[in-house]
Structures are given as C-alpha cells and as structure tokens.
Amino acid sequence: MSNRSREYSVDLAKKLKKKSYRQEFFLALIEEEGLSVREAIYVIAKTMGNQEFSHLIGMEPSNTTRIVNPLNDIRSTTLEHILTALGLELSVKVA
C-alpha cells in the first residue's frame, strides 16, 4: 500500500475525479480560503494523492511531486498545463 499524506481523503479524492467538483473545490480554496493558485494546486494534489493527480494532469509522479512543492518555482506553461487539466484557465484582468 502506498504512503498517503495526512491531507489525503478517500471520499474527497473520489469527488475530485469529477471535473465540475474539482473546479468548484479549486475556486473555493482561492475565493473562500484565500489561498493562492499555487497553494490551491498543492492542496488538490495532496488531497487526491500523487498517483491520481499525476494521472489527471498527464505527468510523471516524480515530476508532479517536484512541481507542486510550494518551495519550487513553476513555469507559466506548466501552470497553464495543470489548470487546463483541472478544467480551468489562467487569465489576467485589470483591477
């Protein structure tokens, strides 16, 4: 059996397999919890588990671990790739 992080939740991981739930959950992390986009990606990855999240975004688990680590920088193209896999897109608007 693989090691799971403390954040892993079987029930929540199952719900996150649905695109609409992933989108709502991601936006709630940002809008209601005040997390950054990067932090929200980290939470989803930890909640789903590395294998499942890696499969979802189409990357190798070893790369995913490095990419979602909040201490590492992430390229905008990688961020865009992850958000697209989550059913989201990154945009900038004038405040």
Protein backbone atom coordinates (compact mmCIF):
# COMPACT_ATOMS: atom_id res chain seq x y z
CA MET A 1 0.00 0.00 0.00
CA SER A 2 1.36 3.41 -0.93
CA ASN A 3 2.07 6.05 1.68
CA ARG A 4 -0.55 8.76 1.82
CA SER A 5 -0.17 12.29 3.06
CA ARG A 6 -2.20 13.49 6.02
CA GLU A 7 -4.24 15.58 3.60
CA TYR A 8 -5.34 12.55 1.57
CA SER A 9 -9.02 11.76 1.84
CA VAL A 10 -10.60 8.77 0.13
CA ASP A 11 -14.03 10.38 -0.13
CA LEU A 12 -12.76 13.75 -1.25
CA ALA A 13 -10.34 12.15 -3.73
CA LYS A 14 -13.28 10.33 -5.33
CA LYS A 15 -15.28 13.56 -5.56
CA LEU A 16 -12.30 15.35 -7.13
CA LYS A 17 -12.37 12.91 -10.06
CA LYS A 18 -15.41 14.83 -11.30
CA LYS A 19 -14.39 17.88 -13.30
CA SER A 20 -17.22 20.07 -12.01
CA TYR A 21 -16.38 19.25 -8.38
CA ARG A 22 -12.66 19.92 -8.99
CA GLN A 23 -13.49 23.32 -10.42
CA GLU A 24 -15.78 24.27 -7.52
CA PHE A 25 -13.30 22.98 -4.94
CA PHE A 26 -10.39 24.85 -6.55
CA LEU A 27 -12.30 28.13 -6.72
CA ALA A 28 -13.49 27.73 -3.12
CA LEU A 29 -9.88 27.28 -1.98
CA ILE A 30 -9.00 30.58 -3.63
CA GLU A 31 -12.11 32.66 -3.01
CA GLU A 32 -13.23 31.38 0.39
CA GLU A 33 -9.99 30.13 1.94
CA GLY A 34 -7.79 32.87 0.47
CA LEU A 35 -5.20 30.52 -0.99
CA SER A 36 -3.07 31.40 -3.99
CA VAL A 37 -3.43 29.44 -7.23
CA ARG A 38 -0.21 27.62 -6.42
CA GLU A 39 -1.39 26.73 -2.91
CA ALA A 40 -4.73 25.50 -4.26
CA ILE A 41 -2.94 23.20 -6.73
CA TYR A 42 -0.85 21.85 -3.85
CA VAL A 43 -3.95 21.14 -1.75
CA ILE A 44 -5.70 19.34 -4.60
CA ALA A 45 -2.59 17.27 -5.38
CA LYS A 46 -2.17 16.26 -1.74
CA THR A 47 -5.87 15.56 -1.33
CA MET A 48 -6.10 13.37 -4.44
CA GLY A 49 -2.77 11.64 -3.90
CA ASN A 50 0.29 11.92 -6.12
CA GLN A 51 -0.52 8.98 -8.41
CA GLU A 52 -4.07 10.11 -9.13
CA PHE A 53 -3.11 13.76 -9.55
CA SER A 54 -0.21 12.83 -11.84
CA HIS A 55 -2.51 10.73 -13.99
CA LEU A 56 -5.05 13.56 -14.16
CA ILE A 57 -2.52 16.13 -15.36
CA GLY A 58 -0.62 13.69 -17.57
CA MET A 59 2.77 13.94 -15.87
CA GLU A 60 5.14 11.50 -14.23
CA PRO A 61 4.64 11.24 -10.45
CA SER A 62 8.26 12.22 -9.77
CA ASN A 63 7.80 15.41 -11.78
CA THR A 64 4.47 16.15 -10.13
CA THR A 65 5.99 15.92 -6.65
CA ARG A 66 8.63 18.49 -7.61
CA ILE A 67 6.21 20.77 -9.46
CA VAL A 68 3.53 21.02 -6.77
CA ASN A 69 6.05 21.63 -3.98
CA PRO A 70 5.31 25.22 -2.92
CA LEU A 71 9.02 25.82 -2.31
CA ASN A 72 9.86 25.30 -6.01
CA ASP A 73 9.21 27.76 -8.80
CA ILE A 74 6.75 26.78 -11.51
CA ARG A 75 6.84 27.89 -15.13
CA SER A 76 3.78 29.61 -16.53
CA THR A 77 3.45 26.92 -19.22
CA THR A 78 3.40 24.21 -16.55
CA LEU A 79 0.87 26.16 -14.53
CA GLU A 80 -1.30 26.53 -17.62
CA HIS A 81 -1.00 22.78 -18.33
CA ILE A 82 -2.11 21.89 -14.79
CA LEU A 83 -5.01 24.35 -14.80
CA THR A 84 -6.20 23.06 -18.18
CA ALA A 85 -6.18 19.51 -16.80
CA LEU A 86 -8.26 20.75 -13.87
CA GLY A 87 -10.74 22.30 -16.31
CA LEU A 88 -9.66 25.86 -15.57
CA GLU A 89 -7.73 28.60 -17.32
CA LEU A 90 -5.49 31.37 -16.14
CA SER A 91 -6.37 34.92 -17.05
CA VAL A 92 -5.34 38.41 -16.04
CA LYS A 93 -7.73 41.32 -15.73
CA VAL A 94 -7.37 44.97 -14.90
CA ALA A 95 -8.26 45.65 -11.28
